């Protein structure tokens, strides 16, 4: 069976707790997580939860800055069969 990969994007909208919970669930399910975290999301995590942004990033397997245009989120290659699966698993908090 192919390992699953999910992108979680946190933009700073109210929902930091949901993004963190999503990362926790993915970790317990053995699903590899790719976290995109904006500067506003870092601040929102600290304002809306009892965590620091670093606590959230520690839950993800891979972390990318929102302004990193060279980030290689899925270095595994894309094909028609898998791209639909990846597109449908993006969680936006």
PDB file of N, CA and C in Angstrom:
ATOM      1  N   UNK A   1       0.833  -1.173   0.000  1.00  0.00           N
ATOM      2  CA  UNK A   1       0.000   0.000   0.000  1.00  0.00           C
ATOM      3  C   UNK A   1       0.885   1.246   0.000  1.00  0.00           C
ATOM      4  N   UNK A   2       0.490   2.258  -0.774  1.00  0.00           N
ATOM      5  CA  UNK A   2       1.230   3.496  -0.880  1.00  0.00           C
ATOM      6  C   UNK A   2       0.977   4.363   0.341  1.00  0.00           C
ATOM      7  N   UNK A   3       2.037   4.966   0.864  1.00  0.00           N
ATOM      8  CA  UNK A   3       1.887   5.859   2.012  1.00  0.00           C
ATOM      9  C   UNK A   3       1.127   7.108   1.593  1.00  0.00           C
ATOM     10  N   UNK A   4       0.219   7.559   2.442  1.00  0.00           N
ATOM     11  CA  UNK A   4      -0.567   8.749   2.139  1.00  0.00           C
ATOM     12  C   UNK A   4       0.163   9.995   2.606  1.00  0.00           C
ATOM     13  N   UNK A   5      -0.043  11.081   1.849  1.00  0.00           N
ATOM     14  CA  UNK A   5       0.549  12.378   2.146  1.00  0.00           C
ATOM     15  C   UNK A   5      -0.565  13.407   2.092  1.00  0.00           C
ATOM     16  N   UNK A   6      -0.619  14.284   3.068  1.00  0.00           N
ATOM     17  CA  UNK A   6      -1.651  15.323   3.092  1.00  0.00           C
ATOM     18  C   UNK A   6      -1.007  16.677   3.366  1.00  0.00           C
ATOM     19  N   UNK A   7      -1.471  17.686   2.627  1.00  0.00           N
ATOM     20  CA  UNK A   7      -1.015  19.056   2.833  1.00  0.00           C
ATOM     21  C   UNK A   7      -2.012  19.753   3.754  1.00  0.00           C
ATOM     22  N   UNK A   8      -1.512  20.373   4.809  1.00  0.00           N
ATOM     23  CA  UNK A   8      -2.322  21.185   5.708  1.00  0.00           C
ATOM     24  C   UNK A   8      -1.792  22.610   5.592  1.00  0.00           C
ATOM     25  N   UNK A   9      -2.644  23.533   5.162  1.00  0.00           N
ATOM     26  CA  UNK A   9      -2.245  24.934   5.020  1.00  0.00           C
ATOM     27  C   UNK A   9      -2.937  25.751   6.098  1.00  0.00           C
ATOM     28  N   UNK A  10      -2.148  26.441   6.899  1.00  0.00           N
ATOM     29  CA  UNK A  10      -2.691  27.304   7.942  1.00  0.00           C
ATOM     30  C   UNK A  10      -2.342  28.741   7.569  1.00  0.00           C
ATOM     31  N   UNK A  11      -3.380  29.572   7.395  1.00  0.00           N
ATOM     32  CA  UNK A  11      -3.191  30.921   6.861  1.00  0.00           C
ATOM     33  C   UNK A  11      -3.287  32.022   7.904  1.00  0.00           C
ATOM     34  N   UNK A  12      -3.814  31.715   9.073  1.00  0.00           N
ATOM     35  CA  UNK A  12      -3.974  32.741  10.096  1.00  0.00           C
ATOM     36  C   UNK A  12      -5.418  33.044  10.395  1.00  0.00           C
ATOM     37  N   UNK A  13      -6.326  32.469   9.633  1.00  0.00           N
ATOM     38  CA  UNK A  13      -7.742  32.620   9.949  1.00  0.00           C
ATOM     39  C   UNK A  13      -8.030  31.878  11.247  1.00  0.00           C
ATOM     40  N   UNK A  14      -9.096  32.241  11.919  1.00  0.00           N
ATOM     41  CA  UNK A  14      -9.452  31.551  13.157  1.00  0.00           C
ATOM     42  C   UNK A  14      -9.717  30.091  12.833  1.00  0.00           C
ATOM     43  N   UNK A  15      -8.914  29.243  13.346  1.00  0.00           N
ATOM     44  CA  UNK A  15      -9.014  27.821  13.079  1.00  0.00           C
ATOM     45  C   UNK A  15      -7.705  27.130  13.426  1.00  0.00           C
ATOM     46  N   UNK A  16      -6.859  27.831  14.138  1.00  0.00           N
ATOM     47  CA  UNK A  16      -5.560  27.273  14.498  1.00  0.00           C
ATOM     48  C   UNK A  16      -5.716  25.954  15.256  1.00  0.00           C
ATOM     49  N   UNK A  17      -6.668  25.898  16.164  1.00  0.00           N
ATOM     50  CA  UNK A  17      -6.877  24.676  16.952  1.00  0.00           C
ATOM     51  C   UNK A  17      -7.271  23.508  16.040  1.00  0.00           C
ATOM     52  N   UNK A  18      -8.064  23.794  14.993  1.00  0.00           N
ATOM     53  CA  UNK A  18      -8.465  22.737  14.057  1.00  0.00           C
ATOM     54  C   UNK A  18      -7.271  22.237  13.252  1.00  0.00           C
ATOM     55  N   UNK A  19      -6.411  23.145  12.826  1.00  0.00           N
ATOM     56  CA  UNK A  19      -5.218  22.744  12.096  1.00  0.00           C
ATOM     57  C   UNK A  19      -4.302  21.890  12.949  1.00  0.00           C
ATOM     58  N   UNK A  20      -4.131  22.264  14.191  1.00  0.00           N
ATOM     59  CA  UNK A  20      -3.290  21.504  15.110  1.00  0.00           C
ATOM     60  C   UNK A  20      -3.889  20.128  15.372  1.00  0.00           C
ATOM     61  N   UNK A  21      -5.194  20.075  15.569  1.00  0.00           N
ATOM     62  CA  UNK A  21      -5.847  18.787  15.782  1.00  0.00           C
ATOM     63  C   UNK A  21      -5.721  17.893  14.548  1.00  0.00           C
ATOM     64  N   UNK A  22      -5.825  18.496  13.373  1.00  0.00           N
ATOM     65  CA  UNK A  22      -5.652  17.737  12.127  1.00  0.00           C
ATOM     66  C   UNK A  22      -4.261  17.119  12.075  1.00  0.00           C
ATOM     67  N   UNK A  23      -3.244  17.893  12.413  1.00  0.00           N
ATOM     68  CA  UNK A  23      -1.870  17.373  12.416  1.00  0.00           C
ATOM     69  C   UNK A  23      -1.710  16.235  13.425  1.00  0.00           C
ATOM     70  N   UNK A  24      -2.338  16.361  14.568  1.00  0.00           N
ATOM     71  CA  UNK A  24      -2.258  15.289  15.583  1.00  0.00           C
ATOM     72  C   UNK A  24      -2.906  13.998  15.066  1.00  0.00           C
ATOM     73  N   UNK A  25      -4.054  14.138  14.444  1.00  0.00           N
ATOM     74  CA  UNK A  25      -4.763  12.960  13.913  1.00  0.00           C
ATOM     75  C   UNK A  25      -3.947  12.298  12.807  1.00  0.00           C
ATOM     76  N   UNK A  26      -3.407  13.101  11.906  1.00  0.00           N
ATOM     77  CA  UNK A  26      -2.601  12.545  10.819  1.00  0.00           C
ATOM     78  C   UNK A  26      -1.420  11.764  11.367  1.00  0.00           C
ATOM     79  N   UNK A  27      -0.784  12.291  12.402  1.00  0.00           N
ATOM     80  CA  UNK A  27       0.368  11.609  13.007  1.00  0.00           C
ATOM     81  C   UNK A  27      -0.060  10.253  13.576  1.00  0.00           C
ATOM     82  N   UNK A  28      -1.190  10.199  14.283  1.00  0.00           N
ATOM     83  CA  UNK A  28      -1.631   8.928  14.875  1.00  0.00           C
ATOM     84  C   UNK A  28      -2.039   7.916  13.810  1.00  0.00           C
ATOM     85  N   UNK A  29      -2.462   8.414  12.640  1.00  0.00           N
ATOM     86  CA  UNK A  29      -2.874   7.526  11.551  1.00  0.00           C
ATOM     87  C   UNK A  29      -1.715   7.118  10.651  1.00  0.00           C
ATOM     88  N   UNK A  30      -0.525   7.654  10.918  1.00  0.00           N
ATOM     89  CA  UNK A  30       0.641   7.312  10.108  1.00  0.00           C
ATOM     90  C   UNK A  30       0.626   7.962   8.729  1.00  0.00           C
ATOM     91  N   UNK A  31      -0.097   9.073   8.603  1.00  0.00           N
ATOM     92  CA  UNK A  31      -0.170   9.791   7.329  1.00  0.00           C
ATOM     93  C   UNK A  31       0.850  10.915   7.353  1.00  0.00           C
ATOM     94  N   UNK A  32       1.696  10.982   6.327  1.00  0.00           N
ATOM     95  CA  UNK A  32       2.741  11.996   6.263  1.00  0.00           C
ATOM     96  C   UNK A  32       2.117  13.363   6.000  1.00  0.00           C
ATOM     97  N   UNK A  33       2.448  14.341   6.840  1.00  0.00           N
ATOM     98  CA  UNK A  33       1.858  15.674   6.709  1.00  0.00           C
ATOM     99  C   UNK A  33       2.874  16.682   6.208  1.00  0.00           C
ATOM    100  N   UNK A  34       2.393  17.562   5.335  1.00  0.00           N
ATOM    101  CA  UNK A  34       3.173  18.664   4.777  1.00  0.00           C
ATOM    102  C   UNK A  34       2.453  19.931   5.215  1.00  0.00           C
ATOM    103  N   UNK A  35       3.061  20.697   6.100  1.00  0.00           N
ATOM    104  CA  UNK A  35       2.432  21.886   6.670  1.00  0.00           C
ATOM    105  C   UNK A  35       2.958  23.147   6.004  1.00  0.00           C
ATOM    106  N   UNK A  36       2.030  23.956   5.492  1.00  0.00           N
ATOM    107  CA  UNK A  36       2.362  25.287   4.994  1.00  0.00           C
ATOM    108  C   UNK A  36       1.830  26.255   6.037  1.00  0.00           C
ATOM    109  N   UNK A  37       2.717  27.061   6.585  1.00  0.00           N
ATOM    110  CA  UNK A  37       2.371  27.915   7.713  1.00  0.00           C
ATOM    111  C   UNK A  37       2.755  29.360   7.409  1.00  0.00           C
ATOM    112  N   UNK A  38       1.746  30.232   7.374  1.00  0.00           N
ATOM    113  CA  UNK A  38       2.027  31.647   7.126  1.00  0.00           C
ATOM    114  C   UNK A  38       2.466  32.326   8.419  1.00  0.00           C
ATOM    115  N   UNK A  39       3.022  33.522   8.285  1.00  0.00           N
ATOM    116  CA  UNK A  39       3.407  34.286   9.472  1.00  0.00           C
ATOM    117  C   UNK A  39       2.187  34.598  10.338  1.00  0.00           C
ATOM    118  N   UNK A  40       1.061  34.929   9.697  1.00  0.00           N
ATOM    119  CA  UNK A  40      -0.165  35.192  10.459  1.00  0.00           C
ATOM    120  C   UNK A  40      -0.645  33.936  11.179  1.00  0.00           C
ATOM    121  N   UNK A  41      -0.467  32.787  10.582  1.00  0.00           N
ATOM    122  CA  UNK A  41      -0.855  31.531  11.243  1.00  0.00           C
ATOM    123  C   UNK A  41      -0.014  31.305  12.498  1.00  0.00           C
ATOM    124  N   UNK A  42       1.267  31.607  12.407  1.00  0.00           N
ATOM    125  CA  UNK A  42       2.134  31.481  13.582  1.00  0.00           C
ATOM    126  C   UNK A  42       1.602  32.335  14.727  1.00  0.00           C
ATOM    127  N   UNK A  43       1.226  33.547  14.406  1.00  0.00           N
ATOM    128  CA  UNK A  43       0.711  34.475  15.424  1.00  0.00           C
ATOM    129  C   UNK A  43      -0.642  33.992  15.962  1.00  0.00           C
ATOM    130  N   UNK A  44      -1.505  33.517  15.073  1.00  0.00           N
ATOM    131  CA  UNK A  44      -2.833  33.042  15.489  1.00  0.00           C
ATOM    132  C   UNK A  44      -2.727  31.836  16.413  1.00  0.00           C
ATOM    133  N   UNK A  45      -1.796  30.946  16.141  1.00  0.00           N
ATOM    134  CA  UNK A  45      -1.582  29.778  17.013  1.00  0.00           C
ATOM    135  C   UNK A  45      -1.281  30.256  18.428  1.00  0.00           C
ATOM    136  N   UNK A  46      -0.433  31.245  18.539  1.00  0.00           N
ATOM    137  CA  UNK A  46      -0.036  31.732  19.861  1.00  0.00           C
ATOM    138  C   UNK A  46      -1.157  32.505  20.555  1.00  0.00           C
ATOM    139  N   UNK A  47      -2.015  33.170  19.774  1.00  0.00           N
ATOM    140  CA  UNK A  47      -3.122  33.928  20.357  1.00  0.00           C
ATOM    141  C   UNK A  47      -4.315  33.052  20.731  1.00  0.00           C
ATOM    142  N   UNK A  48      -4.596  32.041  19.925  1.00  0.00           N
ATOM    143  CA  UNK A  48      -5.825  31.251  20.093  1.00  0.00           C
ATOM    144  C   UNK A  48      -5.630  29.922  20.803  1.00  0.00           C
ATOM    145  N   UNK A  49      -4.395  29.518  21.025  1.00  0.00           N
ATOM    146  CA  UNK A  49      -4.149  28.242  21.708  1.00  0.00           C
ATOM    147  C   UNK A  49      -3.124  28.476  22.817  1.00  0.00           C
ATOM    148  N   UNK A  50      -2.871  27.455  23.570  1.00  0.00           N
ATOM    149  CA  UNK A  50      -1.837  27.554  24.612  1.00  0.00           C
ATOM    150  C   UNK A  50      -0.495  27.041  24.099  1.00  0.00           C
ATOM    151  N   UNK A  51      -0.347  26.995  22.770  1.00  0.00           N
ATOM    152  CA  UNK A  51       0.865  26.488  22.138  1.00  0.00           C
ATOM    153  C   UNK A  51       1.650  27.608  21.468  1.00  0.00           C
ATOM    154  N   UNK A  52       2.889  27.313  21.180  1.00  0.00           N
ATOM    155  CA  UNK A  52       3.727  28.176  20.361  1.00  0.00           C
ATOM    156  C   UNK A  52       3.706  27.602  18.945  1.00  0.00           C
ATOM    157  N   UNK A  53       4.042  28.412  17.971  1.00  0.00           N
ATOM    158  CA  UNK A  53       4.054  27.947  16.581  1.00  0.00           C
ATOM    159  C   UNK A  53       4.972  26.735  16.408  1.00  0.00           C
ATOM    160  N   UNK A  54       6.067  26.714  17.134  1.00  0.00           N
ATOM    161  CA  UNK A  54       7.009  25.602  17.045  1.00  0.00           C
ATOM    162  C   UNK A  54       6.380  24.280  17.492  1.00  0.00           C
ATOM    163  N   UNK A  55       5.411  24.356  18.407  1.00  0.00           N
ATOM    164  CA  UNK A  55       4.705  23.145  18.831  1.00  0.00           C
ATOM    165  C   UNK A  55       3.910  22.562  17.670  1.00  0.00           C
ATOM    166  N   UNK A  56       3.304  23.432  16.883  1.00  0.00           N
ATOM    167  CA  UNK A  56       2.528  22.978  15.724  1.00  0.00           C
ATOM    168  C   UNK A  56       3.446  22.411  14.646  1.00  0.00           C
ATOM    169  N   UNK A  57       4.562  23.105  14.399  1.00  0.00           N
ATOM    170  CA  UNK A  57       5.459  22.614  13.354  1.00  0.00           C
ATOM    171  C   UNK A  57       6.082  21.271  13.737  1.00  0.00           C
ATOM    172  N   UNK A  58       6.237  21.026  15.022  1.00  0.00           N
ATOM    173  CA  UNK A  58       6.801  19.746  15.478  1.00  0.00           C
ATOM    174  C   UNK A  58       5.857  18.578  15.185  1.00  0.00           C
ATOM    175  N   UNK A  59       4.577  18.857  14.984  1.00  0.00           N
ATOM    176  CA  UNK A  59       3.605  17.806  14.687  1.00  0.00           C
ATOM    177  C   UNK A  59       3.633  17.378  13.226  1.00  0.00           C
ATOM    178  N   UNK A  60       4.200  18.219  12.353  1.00  0.00           N
ATOM    179  CA  UNK A  60       4.222  17.934  10.922  1.00  0.00           C
ATOM    180  C   UNK A  60       5.513  17.216  10.528  1.00  0.00           C
ATOM    181  N   UNK A  61       5.415  16.398   9.488  1.00  0.00           N
ATOM    182  CA  UNK A  61       6.605  15.724   8.978  1.00  0.00           C
ATOM    183  C   UNK A  61       7.481  16.675   8.171  1.00  0.00           C
ATOM    184  N   UNK A  62       6.838  17.607   7.464  1.00  0.00           N
ATOM    185  CA  UNK A  62       7.547  18.587   6.639  1.00  0.00           C
ATOM    186  C   UNK A  62       6.869  19.934   6.832  1.00  0.00           C
ATOM    187  N   UNK A  63       7.656  21.008   6.923  1.00  0.00           N
ATOM    188  CA  UNK A  63       7.107  22.348   7.149  1.00  0.00           C
ATOM    189  C   UNK A  63       7.659  23.287   6.084  1.00  0.00           C
ATOM    190  N   UNK A  64       6.758  24.114   5.538  1.00  0.00           N
ATOM    191  CA  UNK A  64       7.126  25.070   4.497  1.00  0.00           C
ATOM    192  C   UNK A  64       6.593  26.448   4.873  1.00  0.00           C
ATOM    193  N   UNK A  65       7.363  27.477   4.576  1.00  0.00           N
ATOM    194  CA  UNK A  65       6.901  28.845   4.765  1.00  0.00           C
ATOM    195  C   UNK A  65       5.985  29.201   3.603  1.00  0.00           C
ATOM    196  N   UNK A  66       4.957  29.983   3.866  1.00  0.00           N
ATOM    197  CA  UNK A  66       3.997  30.346   2.831  1.00  0.00           C
ATOM    198  C   UNK A  66       4.652  31.115   1.694  1.00  0.00           C
ATOM    199  N   UNK A  67       5.720  31.826   1.966  1.00  0.00           N
ATOM    200  CA  UNK A  67       6.359  32.618   0.913  1.00  0.00           C
ATOM    201  C   UNK A  67       7.520  31.888   0.230  1.00  0.00           C
ATOM    202  N   UNK A  68       7.684  30.614   0.507  1.00  0.00           N
ATOM    203  CA  UNK A  68       8.751  29.830  -0.112  1.00  0.00           C
ATOM    204  C   UNK A  68       8.272  29.281  -1.451  1.00  0.00           C
ATOM    205  N   UNK A  69       8.512  30.050  -2.493  1.00  0.00           N
ATOM    206  CA  UNK A  69       8.036  29.660  -3.821  1.00  0.00           C
ATOM    207  C   UNK A  69       8.824  28.503  -4.422  1.00  0.00           C
ATOM    208  N   UNK A  70       9.928  28.132  -3.805  1.00  0.00           N
ATOM    209  CA  UNK A  70      10.715  27.010  -4.307  1.00  0.00           C
ATOM    210  C   UNK A  70      10.447  25.723  -3.519  1.00  0.00           C
ATOM    211  N   UNK A  71       9.478  25.756  -2.617  1.00  0.00           N
ATOM    212  CA  UNK A  71       9.182  24.569  -1.795  1.00  0.00           C
ATOM    213  C   UNK A  71       8.751  23.401  -2.681  1.00  0.00           C
ATOM    214  N   UNK A  72       9.328  22.253  -2.427  1.00  0.00           N
ATOM    215  CA  UNK A  72       8.957  21.036  -3.141  1.00  0.00           C
ATOM    216  C   UNK A  72       8.108  20.204  -2.193  1.00  0.00           C
ATOM    217  N   UNK A  73       6.806  20.419  -2.279  1.00  0.00           N
ATOM    218  CA  UNK A  73       5.922  19.757  -1.326  1.00  0.00           C
ATOM    219  C   UNK A  73       5.806  18.273  -1.620  1.00  0.00           C
ATOM    220  N   UNK A  74       5.662  17.900  -2.866  1.00  0.00           N
ATOM    221  CA  UNK A  74       5.574  16.489  -3.235  1.00  0.00           C
ATOM    222  C   UNK A  74       6.689  16.136  -4.203  1.00  0.00           C
ATOM    223  N   UNK A  75       7.860  15.794  -3.689  1.00  0.00           N
ATOM    224  CA  UNK A  75       8.974  15.457  -4.575  1.00  0.00           C
ATOM    225  C   UNK A  75       8.844  14.067  -5.175  1.00  0.00           C
ATOM    226  N   UNK A  76       7.737  13.386  -4.934  1.00  0.00           N
ATOM    227  CA  UNK A  76       7.587  11.993  -5.327  1.00  0.00           C
ATOM    228  C   UNK A  76       7.130  11.833  -6.766  1.00  0.00           C
ATOM    229  N   UNK A  77       6.791  12.922  -7.431  1.00  0.00           N
ATOM    230  CA  UNK A  77       6.302  12.824  -8.798  1.00  0.00           C
ATOM    231  C   UNK A  77       4.790  12.801  -8.829  1.00  0.00           C
ATOM    232  N   UNK A  78       4.257  13.320  -9.891  1.00  0.00           N
ATOM    233  CA  UNK A  78       2.810  13.418 -10.062  1.00  0.00           C
ATOM    234  C   UNK A  78       2.404  12.615 -11.279  1.00  0.00           C
ATOM    235  N   UNK A  79       1.276  11.976 -11.200  1.00  0.00           N
ATOM    236  CA  UNK A  79       0.667  11.389 -12.385  1.00  0.00           C
ATOM    237  C   UNK A  79      -0.830  11.587 -12.271  1.00  0.00           C
ATOM    238  N   UNK A  80      -1.557  11.338 -13.335  1.00  0.00           N
ATOM    239  CA  UNK A  80      -2.997  11.609 -13.344  1.00  0.00           C
ATOM    240  C   UNK A  80      -3.738  10.861 -12.247  1.00  0.00           C
ATOM    241  N   UNK A  81      -3.321   9.652 -11.971  1.00  0.00           N
ATOM    242  CA  UNK A  81      -4.002   8.826 -10.978  1.00  0.00           C
ATOM    243  C   UNK A  81      -3.819   9.393  -9.569  1.00  0.00           C
ATOM    244  N   UNK A  82      -2.605   9.852  -9.229  1.00  0.00           N
ATOM    245  CA  UNK A  82      -2.324  10.328  -7.887  1.00  0.00           C
ATOM    246  C   UNK A  82      -2.654  11.792  -7.680  1.00  0.00           C
ATOM    247  N   UNK A  83      -2.607  12.620  -8.720  1.00  0.00           N
ATOM    248  CA  UNK A  83      -2.821  14.041  -8.522  1.00  0.00           C
ATOM    249  C   UNK A  83      -4.216  14.332  -8.006  1.00  0.00           C
ATOM    250  N   UNK A  84      -5.203  13.601  -8.451  1.00  0.00           N
ATOM    251  CA  UNK A  84      -6.565  13.815  -7.962  1.00  0.00           C
ATOM    252  C   UNK A  84      -6.645  13.470  -6.473  1.00  0.00           C
ATOM    253  N   UNK A  85      -6.001  12.396  -6.077  1.00  0.00           N
ATOM    254  CA  UNK A  85      -5.998  12.014  -4.664  1.00  0.00           C
ATOM    255  C   UNK A  85      -5.367  13.123  -3.833  1.00  0.00           C
ATOM    256  N   UNK A  86      -4.232  13.661  -4.248  1.00  0.00           N
ATOM    257  CA  UNK A  86      -3.557  14.705  -3.492  1.00  0.00           C
ATOM    258  C   UNK A  86      -4.404  15.977  -3.436  1.00  0.00           C
ATOM    259  N   UNK A  87      -5.015  16.350  -4.557  1.00  0.00           N
ATOM    260  CA  UNK A  87      -5.835  17.560  -4.577  1.00  0.00           C
ATOM    261  C   UNK A  87      -7.017  17.441  -3.631  1.00  0.00           C
ATOM    262  N   UNK A  88      -7.570  16.262  -3.489  1.00  0.00           N
ATOM    263  CA  UNK A  88      -8.744  16.074  -2.641  1.00  0.00           C
ATOM    264  C   UNK A  88      -8.396  15.912  -1.176  1.00  0.00           C
ATOM    265  N   UNK A  89      -7.127  15.872  -0.828  1.00  0.00           N
ATOM    266  CA  UNK A  89      -6.763  15.684   0.575  1.00  0.00           C
ATOM    267  C   UNK A  89      -6.187  16.938   1.192  1.00  0.00           C
ATOM    268  N   UNK A  90      -6.280  18.053   0.507  1.00  0.00           N
ATOM    269  CA  UNK A  90      -5.752  19.302   1.060  1.00  0.00           C
ATOM    270  C   UNK A  90      -6.722  19.848   2.100  1.00  0.00           C
ATOM    271  N   UNK A  91      -6.208  20.135   3.274  1.00  0.00           N
ATOM    272  CA  UNK A  91      -7.016  20.719   4.357  1.00  0.00           C
ATOM    273  C   UNK A  91      -6.568  22.140   4.556  1.00  0.00           C
ATOM    274  N   UNK A  92      -7.493  23.075   4.551  1.00  0.00           N
ATOM    275  CA  UNK A  92      -7.170  24.497   4.678  1.00  0.00           C
ATOM    276  C   UNK A  92      -7.786  25.027   5.964  1.00  0.00           C
ATOM    277  N   UNK A  93      -6.950  25.469   6.898  1.00  0.00           N
ATOM    278  CA  UNK A  93      -7.431  25.969   8.179  1.00  0.00           C
ATOM    279  C   UNK A  93      -7.028  27.413   8.356  1.00  0.00           C
TER     280      UNK A  93
END
